[in-house]
Amino acid sequence: MPPGDQYRKERVDHPDATVNLGLPADPASIAVVRAVVASVASRLALPYDAVDDLRIAAAEASALLLSFGPEGSRLCVDLQPSDADLHLTIWVEGAGAAPELSRREGLAWRVLEGLADEADVREVDGSPAIELRLRTVAR
């Protein structure tokens, strides 16, 4: 058995079902984000290490974005699995502009870029968002 195959799982459920989370914009919500991301990613026949990497990247993105969110706002996560990849879009509703986020500097960005196949900044409803992509097929 090739290395890593002992962690491969068969696809279950419908892979194209989008998952949307809306949680209080509070550091305690990061644990929920990590758990849901791991659950969705594990259904995509990914090696355990890839699932763990994405879970860590989602937590790091959430923590980074929470520093821009106003009190009483919501941390939002959209997960879009497909046969080719898993897209995550994470943002804090009503956070407004965060120009320092687009500079992509610091340890958090090094972690994001190292763990996800793609990591970008975009805007969702006027709030800065981090979009992560993990390919689920061999390159």
Protein backbone atom coordinates (compact mmCIF):
# COMPACT_ATOMS: atom_id res chain seq x y z
CA MET A 1 0.00 0.00 0.00
CA PRO A 2 1.53 3.40 -0.99
CA PRO A 3 2.26 5.85 1.87
CA GLY A 4 -0.78 7.87 2.85
CA ASP A 5 -3.29 5.42 1.32
CA GLN A 6 -4.10 3.97 4.72
CA TYR A 7 -5.75 7.36 5.40
CA ARG A 8 -7.79 7.53 2.18
CA LYS A 9 -11.52 7.34 2.61
CA GLU A 10 -14.27 6.63 0.16
CA ARG A 11 -16.54 9.52 -0.84
CA VAL A 12 -19.85 9.57 0.99
CA ASP A 13 -22.91 11.76 0.74
CA HIS A 14 -23.24 14.34 -2.02
CA PRO A 15 -19.86 16.01 -2.67
CA ASP A 16 -21.32 19.17 -4.21
CA ALA A 17 -23.41 20.21 -1.20
CA THR A 18 -22.39 23.68 0.00
CA VAL A 19 -22.10 24.14 3.76
CA ASN A 20 -22.72 27.60 5.22
CA LEU A 21 -21.80 28.53 8.78
CA GLY A 22 -22.76 31.65 10.69
CA LEU A 23 -21.26 31.89 14.16
CA PRO A 24 -20.65 34.61 16.73
CA ALA A 25 -17.47 36.52 15.81
CA ASP A 26 -15.70 35.23 18.87
CA PRO A 27 -12.46 33.25 19.22
CA ALA A 28 -14.46 30.38 20.75
CA SER A 29 -16.17 29.88 17.37
CA ILE A 30 -12.87 28.85 15.78
CA ALA A 31 -13.19 25.38 17.32
CA VAL A 32 -16.53 24.92 15.52
CA VAL A 33 -15.00 26.10 12.23
CA ARG A 34 -12.15 23.60 12.62
CA ALA A 35 -14.55 20.73 13.36
CA VAL A 36 -16.89 21.46 10.45
CA VAL A 37 -14.04 21.98 7.97
CA ALA A 38 -12.47 18.68 9.05
CA SER A 39 -15.81 16.89 8.71
CA VAL A 40 -16.48 18.19 5.19
CA ALA A 41 -12.90 17.66 4.02
CA SER A 42 -12.75 14.12 5.38
CA ARG A 43 -15.66 13.11 3.12
CA LEU A 44 -13.61 14.00 0.02
CA ALA A 45 -11.24 11.02 0.02
CA LEU A 46 -8.31 13.18 1.17
CA PRO A 47 -5.34 11.90 3.14
CA TYR A 48 -5.55 12.65 6.85
CA ASP A 49 -2.65 15.13 6.62
CA ALA A 50 -4.46 17.20 3.96
CA VAL A 51 -7.62 17.34 6.09
CA ASP A 52 -5.58 18.46 9.08
CA ASP A 53 -3.75 21.11 7.01
CA LEU A 54 -7.03 22.58 5.81
CA ARG A 55 -8.47 22.57 9.33
CA ILE A 56 -5.45 24.50 10.57
CA ALA A 57 -5.60 26.94 7.63
CA ALA A 58 -9.29 27.62 8.28
CA ALA A 59 -8.59 28.31 11.95
CA GLU A 60 -5.72 30.64 11.07
CA ALA A 61 -7.86 32.55 8.54
CA SER A 62 -10.70 32.83 11.06
CA ALA A 63 -8.39 34.18 13.76
CA LEU A 64 -6.89 36.69 11.34
CA LEU A 65 -10.31 37.95 10.25
CA LEU A 66 -11.70 38.15 13.78
CA SER A 67 -9.21 40.93 14.52
CA PHE A 68 -11.13 43.16 12.05
CA GLY A 69 -14.68 42.33 13.10
CA PRO A 70 -16.86 44.67 15.10
CA GLU A 71 -18.38 43.49 18.36
CA GLY A 72 -21.62 41.58 17.87
CA SER A 73 -20.80 40.57 14.29
CA ARG A 74 -20.84 37.07 12.79
CA LEU A 75 -18.05 34.85 11.56
CA CYS A 76 -19.20 33.29 8.28
CA VAL A 77 -17.78 30.30 6.45
CA ASP A 78 -18.89 28.84 3.13
CA LEU A 79 -17.49 25.43 2.19
CA GLN A 80 -17.98 24.29 -1.39
CA PRO A 81 -16.74 20.74 -2.02
CA SER A 82 -16.50 19.30 -5.51
CA ASP A 83 -14.78 16.41 -7.21
CA ALA A 84 -11.79 18.65 -8.05
CA ASP A 85 -11.36 20.83 -4.97
CA LEU A 86 -12.69 22.27 -1.75
CA HIS A 87 -13.22 26.04 -1.60
CA LEU A 88 -13.58 27.84 1.72
CA THR A 89 -14.59 31.46 1.97
CA ILE A 90 -14.31 32.96 5.45
CA TRP A 91 -15.35 36.48 6.47
CA VAL A 92 -16.73 38.52 9.35
CA GLU A 93 -19.98 40.31 8.50
CA GLY A 94 -19.71 44.08 8.71
CA ALA A 95 -15.95 44.12 9.22
CA GLY A 96 -15.45 46.91 6.67
CA ALA A 97 -12.14 47.63 4.98
CA ALA A 98 -8.98 45.87 6.13
CA PRO A 99 -6.20 47.14 3.87
CA GLU A 100 -3.48 45.36 5.86
CA LEU A 101 -5.13 42.04 4.97
CA SER A 102 -4.42 42.54 1.28
CA ARG A 103 -0.70 42.98 2.00
CA ARG A 104 -0.55 39.28 2.89
CA GLU A 105 2.26 39.72 5.38
CA GLY A 106 3.13 37.98 8.61
CA LEU A 107 3.15 34.51 10.05
CA ALA A 108 -0.58 33.93 9.49
CA TRP A 109 -0.18 34.39 5.72
CA ARG A 110 2.85 32.10 5.63
CA VAL A 111 0.77 29.43 7.33
CA LEU A 112 -2.19 29.95 4.98
CA GLU A 113 -0.07 29.86 1.84
CA GLY A 114 1.82 26.82 3.07
CA LEU A 115 -1.23 24.74 3.96
CA ALA A 116 -3.70 25.56 1.17
CA ASP A 117 -3.16 25.19 -2.57
CA GLU A 118 -4.46 28.74 -2.99
CA ALA A 119 -5.10 31.56 -0.51
CA ASP A 120 -6.57 34.88 -1.64
CA VAL A 121 -8.26 37.97 -0.26
CA ARG A 122 -11.58 39.05 -1.71
CA GLU A 123 -14.68 40.89 -0.60
CA VAL A 124 -18.03 39.46 0.50
CA ASP A 125 -20.85 41.95 1.07
CA GLY A 126 -18.37 44.77 1.71
CA SER A 127 -16.31 42.77 4.19
CA PRO A 128 -12.83 41.36 3.61
CA ALA A 129 -12.77 37.60 3.13
CA ILE A 130 -10.11 34.95 2.85
CA GLU A 131 -10.67 32.31 0.23
CA LEU A 132 -8.83 29.01 0.51
CA ARG A 133 -8.69 26.21 -2.02
CA LEU A 134 -7.47 22.66 -1.58
CA ARG A 135 -7.31 20.44 -4.64
CA THR A 136 -8.84 17.02 -4.05
CA VAL A 137 -7.42 15.34 -7.16
CA ALA A 138 -3.83 14.42 -7.97
CA ARG A 139 -1.85 17.09 -9.78
